């Protein structure tokens, strides 16, 4: 049976003493309501209200973290942690157990981490809630819920902000029919979306692209899913796929040295595109070299690596223009002759501040000055100089210095185009690149 919990929530103030009905999140899942009757009665409404509040405020993540006799609630909104209050520990525990039941997890298991998911909807939007629990002291668990809007599809390179020039360079780096192209980034940094956008940027009409991976619900037009025999290991699957003579094979993320060493054995026969967990593109190249164990072989197998970072976009409703200092413009690489105006988060007029008056807050961005995020990219092209440096054991600093000398795309350089066109602010770049 499919249960859709809750269409209307408890009443909230309408601002004039009137109460208005608030639409709450609806879950679409199967579970034994009778066996969890007490839990449903105690926890389902507070849980719906919490998740609805998070979605309404555009949170991408909610965390419920027990500490002492209370639990702190935190939202991640546009990549920035936002405190969202505290609740009694027992209520947090019940809400966590209710979430586990909805996500198909074992509510009785509290000593081991668990992960699951549940589909839900709010208004006209459909979501997948990715649920993670982590045991903490005292027999309770930390709850983390990531939201994925199923109606927001980032399919094409331009959907995530890739320029035509970047897309062309990726095509060139993957065009030889040999070697490896890596998408690099930490977990939940957008690295998988970057990989799939890179693949979609290839010309699937001119190239035979095969996949040996779990593609979730991502659509790959004119790209063939290779039929893997369940009894075959990765090496045998690659051997069979290579016989078909594809130009590129898209693989699952590479998680360890054993898998890397299998892949490198085929690098002369086909091109590969995959992802690796690393801080940035250079870190990904060096991790690959470490896993292969032979820097010269690792260098020979690599074509390039891309990484990304998400930065906040200024709110279009409240951002303000200002005339920047020409010396500052030259220092950050922008031409003051071409760009006379930049944008920033709105500031209250000085006279209003002096009088202590309150200014009407901007509702679309919750008065943060920012709404949504955009990706910026770094691309390391493994040319002859970079290849020789990897083979000789160069460190990350040396590789980055060489990449800058060769005028390769860096995160900071790509970010400046978004400053120039008013998408983001210099203050946001200072925050994002502070580390």
Protein backbone atom coordinates (compact mmCIF):
# COMPACT_ATOMS: atom_id res chain seq x y z
CA UNK A 1 0.00 0.00 0.00
CA UNK A 2 1.24 3.53 -0.80
CA UNK A 3 0.68 6.08 1.95
CA UNK A 4 0.76 9.82 1.21
CA UNK A 5 1.03 11.43 4.59
CA UNK A 6 -0.24 14.90 5.13
CA UNK A 7 -1.65 17.46 2.80
CA UNK A 8 -2.24 20.27 5.25
CA UNK A 9 -0.27 21.04 8.37
CA UNK A 10 -0.94 22.90 11.55
CA UNK A 11 -2.00 26.49 11.25
CA UNK A 12 0.52 29.29 11.13
CA UNK A 13 0.07 32.99 11.67
CA UNK A 14 -0.90 34.94 8.59
CA UNK A 15 0.52 38.17 10.01
CA UNK A 16 -2.78 39.85 10.99
CA UNK A 17 -3.79 37.50 13.76
CA UNK A 18 -5.32 35.11 11.24
CA UNK A 19 -4.14 31.52 10.81
CA UNK A 20 -3.43 29.96 7.44
CA UNK A 21 -3.11 26.34 6.49
CA UNK A 22 0.43 25.31 5.55
CA UNK A 23 0.84 22.53 3.01
CA UNK A 24 3.22 19.87 4.31
CA UNK A 25 5.43 17.37 2.58
CA UNK A 26 3.82 14.12 1.45
CA UNK A 27 5.74 10.83 1.62
CA UNK A 28 5.28 8.06 -0.91
CA UNK A 29 6.40 4.80 0.65
CA UNK A 30 5.33 1.40 1.87
CA UNK A 31 5.55 0.29 5.51
CA UNK A 32 3.51 -1.39 8.22
CA UNK A 33 1.54 1.45 9.80
CA UNK A 34 0.02 -0.74 12.47
CA UNK A 35 3.39 -2.03 13.66
CA UNK A 36 4.64 1.56 13.90
CA UNK A 37 1.41 3.10 15.16
CA UNK A 38 2.92 4.77 18.24
CA UNK A 39 5.84 6.17 16.27
CA UNK A 40 3.53 7.56 13.60
CA UNK A 41 1.33 9.21 16.22
CA UNK A 42 4.27 10.86 18.01
CA UNK A 43 6.70 11.72 15.22
CA UNK A 44 5.10 11.99 11.78
CA UNK A 45 3.70 15.52 12.16
CA UNK A 46 6.87 17.09 13.67
CA UNK A 47 8.93 15.37 10.99
CA UNK A 48 6.73 16.67 8.18
CA UNK A 49 6.90 20.17 9.62
CA UNK A 50 10.71 20.04 9.88
CA UNK A 51 11.21 18.77 6.34
CA UNK A 52 8.67 21.22 4.92
CA UNK A 53 10.42 24.08 6.68
CA UNK A 54 13.73 22.98 5.20
CA UNK A 55 12.37 22.71 1.66
CA UNK A 56 10.53 26.03 1.95
CA UNK A 57 13.80 27.68 2.95
CA UNK A 58 15.61 25.99 0.02
CA UNK A 59 17.78 23.76 2.22
CA UNK A 60 19.66 21.03 0.40
CA UNK A 61 20.50 19.23 3.64
CA UNK A 62 18.96 18.92 7.11
CA UNK A 63 20.89 17.54 10.07
CA UNK A 64 19.47 16.58 13.47
CA UNK A 65 22.35 16.18 15.92
CA UNK A 66 21.69 14.99 19.52
CA UNK A 67 23.80 16.81 22.11
CA UNK A 68 23.01 16.23 25.78
CA UNK A 69 19.32 16.45 26.55
CA UNK A 70 18.62 18.43 23.36
CA UNK A 71 19.24 18.03 19.63
CA UNK A 72 20.41 20.82 17.38
CA UNK A 73 18.85 21.24 13.95
CA UNK A 74 20.90 22.67 11.13
CA UNK A 75 20.11 23.45 7.50
CA UNK A 76 22.57 23.69 4.64
CA UNK A 77 21.29 26.44 2.32
CA UNK A 78 23.29 27.24 -0.80
CA UNK A 79 26.22 25.43 0.81
CA UNK A 80 26.18 27.58 3.98
CA UNK A 81 25.27 26.07 7.40
CA UNK A 82 22.26 27.79 9.00
CA UNK A 83 21.15 27.05 12.61
CA UNK A 84 17.50 26.05 12.71
CA UNK A 85 16.77 25.58 16.40
CA UNK A 86 16.85 22.92 19.10
CA UNK A 87 14.36 20.25 20.14
CA UNK A 88 14.17 17.77 23.03
CA UNK A 89 16.37 14.74 22.58
CA UNK A 90 13.49 12.25 22.83
CA UNK A 91 11.52 14.04 20.12
CA UNK A 92 14.59 14.04 17.88
CA UNK A 93 15.03 10.32 18.53
CA UNK A 94 11.43 9.60 17.55
CA UNK A 95 11.73 11.70 14.39
CA UNK A 96 14.91 9.85 13.44
CA UNK A 97 13.25 6.47 13.90
CA UNK A 98 10.24 7.63 11.88
CA UNK A 99 12.53 8.76 9.07
CA UNK A 100 14.28 5.39 9.10
CA UNK A 101 10.95 3.59 8.78
CA UNK A 102 9.91 5.80 5.86
CA UNK A 103 13.27 5.18 4.12
CA UNK A 104 13.03 1.41 4.54
CA UNK A 105 15.77 1.19 7.17
CA UNK A 106 15.90 -0.94 10.29
CA UNK A 107 14.54 1.22 13.11
CA UNK A 108 15.76 -1.29 15.69
CA UNK A 109 19.39 -1.05 14.56
CA UNK A 110 21.09 1.87 16.29
CA UNK A 111 24.69 0.70 16.56
CA UNK A 112 25.55 0.79 12.85
CA UNK A 113 25.35 3.55 10.21
CA UNK A 114 22.47 3.16 7.76
CA UNK A 115 21.52 4.74 4.44
CA UNK A 116 18.29 4.73 2.47
CA UNK A 117 15.90 6.93 0.53
CA UNK A 118 12.23 7.86 0.28
CA UNK A 119 10.27 9.69 -2.40
CA UNK A 120 8.18 12.69 -1.39
CA UNK A 121 6.43 15.71 -2.85
CA UNK A 122 5.70 19.27 -1.82
CA UNK A 123 3.33 21.41 -3.88
CA UNK A 124 4.11 20.44 -7.48
CA UNK A 125 7.72 19.35 -6.87
CA UNK A 126 8.87 15.77 -6.52
CA UNK A 127 11.85 14.94 -4.31
CA UNK A 128 14.07 12.08 -3.32
CA UNK A 129 15.12 12.26 0.33
CA UNK A 130 18.46 10.54 0.84
CA UNK A 131 18.58 9.46 4.49
CA UNK A 132 21.71 8.73 6.53
CA UNK A 133 21.98 7.82 10.21
CA UNK A 134 25.16 7.72 12.29
CA UNK A 135 25.34 6.34 15.87
CA UNK A 136 26.50 8.79 18.54
CA UNK A 137 27.04 8.28 22.27
CA UNK A 138 24.06 7.51 24.46
CA UNK A 139 22.29 5.08 22.11
CA UNK A 140 20.93 7.77 19.78
CA UNK A 141 21.75 8.68 16.19
CA UNK A 142 22.60 11.70 14.10
CA UNK A 143 20.15 12.10 11.23
CA UNK A 144 21.14 13.63 7.90
CA UNK A 145 18.66 14.14 5.06
CA UNK A 146 19.75 15.33 1.62
CA UNK A 147 17.07 16.63 -0.76
CA UNK A 148 17.21 15.95 -4.48
CA UNK A 149 14.60 17.73 -6.59
CA UNK A 150 13.59 15.20 -9.23
CA UNK A 151 12.08 17.94 -11.39
CA UNK A 152 15.37 19.83 -11.71
CA UNK A 153 17.45 18.17 -14.40
CA UNK A 154 21.01 19.28 -15.07
CA UNK A 155 21.56 17.35 -18.28
CA UNK A 156 23.60 19.45 -20.67
CA UNK A 157 27.03 21.06 -20.16
CA UNK A 158 25.48 24.52 -20.44
CA UNK A 159 22.93 23.61 -17.74
CA UNK A 160 25.71 23.58 -15.16
CA UNK A 161 27.57 26.58 -16.57
CA UNK A 162 30.18 24.99 -18.83
CA UNK A 163 31.34 27.34 -21.57
CA UNK A 164 31.65 26.32 -25.21
CA UNK A 165 35.43 26.60 -24.87
CA UNK A 166 35.50 24.20 -21.90
CA UNK A 167 33.23 21.71 -23.65
CA UNK A 168 35.49 21.83 -26.72
CA UNK A 169 38.61 21.19 -24.65
CA UNK A 170 37.00 18.17 -23.00
CA UNK A 171 36.13 16.84 -26.44
CA UNK A 172 39.73 17.30 -27.54
CA UNK A 173 41.15 15.62 -24.43
CA UNK A 174 38.91 12.58 -24.88
CA UNK A 175 39.19 12.37 -28.66
CA UNK A 176 42.19 10.05 -29.04
CA UNK A 177 40.33 6.85 -28.16
CA UNK A 178 42.90 6.16 -25.45
CA UNK A 179 43.61 7.18 -21.88
CA UNK A 180 41.65 8.40 -18.90
CA UNK A 181 39.67 11.57 -18.19
CA UNK A 182 38.87 12.11 -14.52
CA UNK A 183 36.15 14.14 -12.83
CA UNK A 184 37.43 14.94 -9.35
CA UNK A 185 35.77 16.26 -6.23
CA UNK A 186 34.68 15.52 -2.68
CA UNK A 187 31.42 13.74 -1.97
CA UNK A 188 28.32 15.85 -2.68
CA UNK A 189 30.35 18.52 -4.46
CA UNK A 190 28.60 18.03 -7.81
CA UNK A 191 31.36 15.82 -9.23
CA UNK A 192 28.96 13.22 -10.67
CA UNK A 193 26.89 15.91 -12.36
CA UNK A 194 30.10 17.36 -13.82
CA UNK A 195 31.13 13.93 -15.14
CA UNK A 196 27.79 13.35 -16.85
CA UNK A 197 27.74 16.85 -18.31
CA UNK A 198 31.24 16.19 -19.68
CA UNK A 199 30.05 12.96 -21.29
CA UNK A 200 26.99 14.63 -22.77
CA UNK A 201 29.26 17.29 -24.25
CA UNK A 202 30.90 14.67 -26.47
CA UNK A 203 29.52 14.07 -29.94
CA UNK A 204 27.68 10.78 -29.49
CA UNK A 205 26.85 10.71 -33.21
CA UNK A 206 30.51 10.59 -34.19
CA UNK A 207 31.81 8.54 -31.27
CA UNK A 208 30.75 5.16 -29.94
CA UNK A 209 30.28 5.71 -26.20
CA UNK A 210 29.46 2.74 -23.96
CA UNK A 211 28.65 2.66 -20.24
CA UNK A 212 29.61 0.05 -17.67
CA UNK A 213 28.12 1.78 -14.69
CA UNK A 214 25.02 2.50 -12.67
CA UNK A 215 23.57 5.63 -14.27
CA UNK A 216 20.74 6.15 -11.74
CA UNK A 217 17.95 7.95 -13.63
CA UNK A 218 20.31 10.09 -15.73
CA UNK A 219 19.39 10.16 -19.38
CA UNK A 220 22.22 9.50 -21.84
CA UNK A 221 20.98 9.99 -25.41
CA UNK A 222 22.73 7.91 -28.12
CA UNK A 223 25.02 6.34 -25.52
CA UNK A 224 24.92 2.55 -25.25
CA UNK A 225 24.65 0.61 -22.00
CA UNK A 226 26.97 -2.35 -22.36
CA UNK A 227 25.33 -5.60 -21.28
CA UNK A 228 27.49 -7.00 -18.49
CA UNK A 229 27.37 -10.68 -17.58
CA UNK A 230 26.57 -10.97 -13.86
CA UNK A 231 29.30 -13.58 -13.37
CA UNK A 232 32.03 -11.41 -14.95
CA UNK A 233 34.40 -9.27 -12.91
CA UNK A 234 35.42 -5.78 -14.06
CA UNK A 235 38.44 -6.99 -15.99
CA UNK A 236 36.42 -9.49 -18.01
CA UNK A 237 33.65 -6.93 -18.61
CA UNK A 238 36.19 -4.42 -19.94
CA UNK A 239 37.79 -7.10 -22.11
CA UNK A 240 34.43 -7.91 -23.67
CA UNK A 241 33.51 -4.25 -24.09
CA UNK A 242 36.83 -3.36 -25.73
CA UNK A 243 36.16 -6.01 -28.39
CA UNK A 244 33.19 -3.90 -29.52
CA UNK A 245 35.73 -1.12 -30.22
CA UNK A 246 34.06 1.81 -28.50
CA UNK A 247 35.77 5.19 -28.44
CA UNK A 248 34.88 5.93 -24.80
CA UNK A 249 33.71 3.84 -21.85
CA UNK A 250 31.95 5.57 -18.95
CA UNK A 251 32.69 3.81 -15.66
CA UNK A 252 31.47 3.84 -12.08
CA UNK A 253 33.55 5.93 -9.65
CA UNK A 254 37.00 4.46 -9.01
CA UNK A 255 37.16 3.72 -5.30
CA UNK A 256 40.50 1.98 -4.77
CA UNK A 257 43.86 0.96 -6.21
CA UNK A 258 42.67 -2.51 -7.26
CA UNK A 259 40.07 -1.07 -9.62
CA UNK A 260 42.50 1.56 -10.92
CA UNK A 261 45.07 -1.08 -11.80
CA UNK A 262 42.48 -3.06 -13.75
CA UNK A 263 41.48 0.02 -15.74
CA UNK A 264 45.03 1.11 -16.52
CA UNK A 265 45.64 -2.23 -18.22
CA UNK A 266 43.25 -1.15 -21.00
CA UNK A 267 44.25 2.51 -21.38
CA UNK A 268 45.98 1.90 -24.74
CA UNK A 269 42.84 0.35 -26.24
CA UNK A 270 40.02 2.72 -25.31
CA UNK A 271 39.24 6.04 -23.67
CA UNK A 272 37.76 6.08 -20.18
CA UNK A 273 35.73 8.67 -18.30
CA UNK A 274 35.12 8.23 -14.60
CA UNK A 275 35.21 10.05 -11.28
CA UNK A 276 37.48 9.91 -8.27
CA UNK A 277 37.05 11.36 -4.79
CA UNK A 278 39.69 14.08 -4.41
CA UNK A 279 39.90 17.69 -3.28
CA UNK A 280 40.51 19.01 -6.80
CA UNK A 281 41.78 18.02 -10.23
CA UNK A 282 45.48 17.95 -9.30
CA UNK A 283 44.73 15.90 -6.18
CA UNK A 284 42.81 13.46 -8.41
CA UNK A 285 45.76 13.07 -10.78
CA UNK A 286 48.14 12.42 -7.89
CA UNK A 287 45.75 9.97 -6.25
CA UNK A 288 45.54 8.05 -9.52
CA UNK A 289 49.34 7.96 -9.73
CA UNK A 290 49.56 6.70 -6.15
CA UNK A 291 47.02 3.96 -6.81
CA UNK A 292 48.76 2.79 -9.99
CA UNK A 293 52.06 2.64 -8.10
CA UNK A 294 54.12 3.44 -11.20
CA UNK A 295 54.17 7.22 -11.85
CA UNK A 296 55.36 6.78 -15.43
CA UNK A 297 52.52 4.37 -16.27
CA UNK A 298 50.01 6.56 -14.47
CA UNK A 299 51.17 9.62 -16.40
CA UNK A 300 50.97 7.77 -19.72
CA UNK A 301 47.38 6.73 -19.00
CA UNK A 302 46.03 10.22 -18.22
CA UNK A 303 44.47 12.76 -20.59
CA UNK A 304 43.05 15.31 -18.19
CA UNK A 305 41.06 16.03 -15.07
CA UNK A 306 38.23 18.39 -14.23
CA UNK A 307 36.95 19.57 -10.87
CA UNK A 308 34.25 22.00 -9.81
CA UNK A 309 33.20 24.23 -6.96
CA UNK A 310 29.76 25.66 -6.24
CA UNK A 311 29.52 29.36 -5.43
CA UNK A 312 26.45 31.34 -4.44
CA UNK A 313 24.59 33.54 -6.92
CA UNK A 314 23.46 37.01 -5.98
CA UNK A 315 19.72 37.40 -5.51
CA UNK A 316 18.35 39.11 -8.61
CA UNK A 317 15.64 40.78 -6.53
CA UNK A 318 17.92 42.71 -4.19
CA UNK A 319 21.50 42.81 -5.54
CA UNK A 320 22.93 46.28 -6.09
CA UNK A 321 25.35 47.70 -8.63
CA UNK A 322 28.42 49.67 -7.66
CA UNK A 323 31.42 51.23 -9.38
CA UNK A 324 34.57 49.29 -8.44
CA UNK A 325 38.03 50.74 -7.91
CA UNK A 326 39.96 50.56 -11.25
CA UNK A 327 43.14 49.45 -9.45
CA UNK A 328 41.28 46.60 -7.82
CA UNK A 329 39.82 45.60 -11.18
CA UNK A 330 43.27 45.33 -12.74
CA UNK A 331 44.55 43.39 -9.74
CA UNK A 332 41.85 40.73 -10.09
CA UNK A 333 42.25 40.49 -13.85
CA UNK A 334 39.24 42.48 -15.05
CA UNK A 335 39.54 45.34 -17.51
CA UNK A 336 38.04 48.55 -16.05
CA UNK A 337 37.66 49.87 -19.58
CA UNK A 338 35.30 47.01 -20.47
CA UNK A 339 33.55 46.51 -17.12
CA UNK A 340 32.45 49.64 -15.31
CA UNK A 341 29.95 48.09 -12.87
CA UNK A 342 30.03 45.10 -10.53
CA UNK A 343 27.32 43.76 -8.22
CA UNK A 344 27.14 42.89 -4.55
CA UNK A 345 24.70 42.05 -1.79
CA UNK A 346 22.47 45.06 -1.14
CA UNK A 347 23.53 47.37 1.66
CA UNK A 348 21.14 49.65 3.56
CA UNK A 349 21.53 53.36 2.74
CA UNK A 350 23.83 55.12 5.20
CA UNK A 351 21.17 57.57 6.30
CA UNK A 352 18.77 54.73 7.10
CA UNK A 353 21.47 52.98 9.14
CA UNK A 354 22.21 56.17 11.06
CA UNK A 355 18.54 56.60 11.93
CA UNK A 356 18.31 52.97 13.06
CA UNK A 357 15.37 52.27 10.75
CA UNK A 358 14.47 48.75 9.71
CA UNK A 359 14.46 47.84 6.03
CA UNK A 360 11.91 45.48 4.52
CA UNK A 361 13.66 42.10 4.16
CA UNK A 362 14.02 40.40 0.77
CA UNK A 363 11.75 37.36 0.89
CA UNK A 364 13.06 35.42 -2.17
CA UNK A 365 16.53 35.04 -0.61
CA UNK A 366 15.48 35.19 3.05
CA UNK A 367 17.45 38.42 3.23
CA UNK A 368 20.78 36.62 2.70
CA UNK A 369 21.53 38.45 -0.56
CA UNK A 370 22.10 35.15 -2.35
CA UNK A 371 19.81 32.64 -4.00
CA UNK A 372 21.01 29.43 -5.63
CA UNK A 373 24.47 28.38 -6.74
CA UNK A 374 26.50 28.09 -9.92
CA UNK A 375 29.44 25.81 -10.73
CA UNK A 376 32.93 27.03 -11.55
CA UNK A 377 35.48 24.69 -13.08
CA UNK A 378 39.13 23.78 -13.11
CA UNK A 379 40.60 21.82 -16.01
CA UNK A 380 44.04 20.25 -15.95
CA UNK A 381 45.09 19.24 -19.45
CA UNK A 382 47.72 16.50 -19.28
CA UNK A 383 50.05 17.87 -21.93
CA UNK A 384 53.66 16.72 -22.34
CA UNK A 385 54.97 18.98 -19.55
CA UNK A 386 52.33 17.87 -17.04
CA UNK A 387 52.82 14.23 -18.06
CA UNK A 388 56.57 14.40 -17.44
CA UNK A 389 56.03 16.09 -14.09
CA UNK A 390 53.61 13.36 -12.93
CA UNK A 391 56.03 10.69 -14.12
CA UNK A 392 58.88 12.29 -12.16
CA UNK A 393 56.84 12.57 -8.95
CA UNK A 394 56.05 16.32 -8.90
CA UNK A 395 53.88 17.50 -6.01
CA UNK A 396 50.54 19.34 -6.15
CA UNK A 397 52.08 22.80 -5.88
CA UNK A 398 54.42 22.19 -8.79
CA UNK A 399 51.63 20.84 -10.99
CA UNK A 400 49.37 23.80 -10.20
CA UNK A 401 52.17 26.26 -10.93
CA UNK A 402 52.76 24.63 -14.31
CA UNK A 403 49.03 24.61 -15.09
CA UNK A 404 48.80 28.34 -14.37
CA UNK A 405 51.89 29.01 -16.47
CA UNK A 406 50.20 27.17 -19.34
CA UNK A 407 47.09 29.34 -18.83
CA UNK A 408 44.88 26.35 -18.01
CA UNK A 409 41.46 26.99 -16.52
CA UNK A 410 41.49 27.46 -12.73
CA UNK A 411 38.54 27.73 -10.35
CA UNK A 412 39.40 31.33 -9.55
CA UNK A 413 39.74 32.32 -13.19
CA UNK A 414 36.42 30.70 -14.09
CA UNK A 415 34.76 32.34 -11.09
CA UNK A 416 35.80 35.81 -12.26
CA UNK A 417 33.56 35.56 -15.33
CA UNK A 418 30.59 35.25 -12.97
CA UNK A 419 31.75 38.35 -11.11
CA UNK A 420 32.10 40.21 -14.41
CA UNK A 421 28.56 39.39 -15.56
CA UNK A 422 26.95 40.15 -12.19
CA UNK A 423 26.09 36.56 -11.27
CA UNK A 424 28.08 36.67 -8.04
CA UNK A 425 30.16 39.05 -5.95
CA UNK A 426 33.77 39.47 -4.98
CA UNK A 427 32.70 38.96 -1.35
CA UNK A 428 31.29 35.54 -2.23
CA UNK A 429 34.55 34.54 -3.90
CA UNK A 430 36.47 35.63 -0.81
CA UNK A 431 34.20 33.42 1.29
CA UNK A 432 34.27 30.44 -1.07
CA UNK A 433 38.04 30.48 -1.59
CA UNK A 434 39.02 31.51 1.94
CA UNK A 435 40.73 28.18 2.61
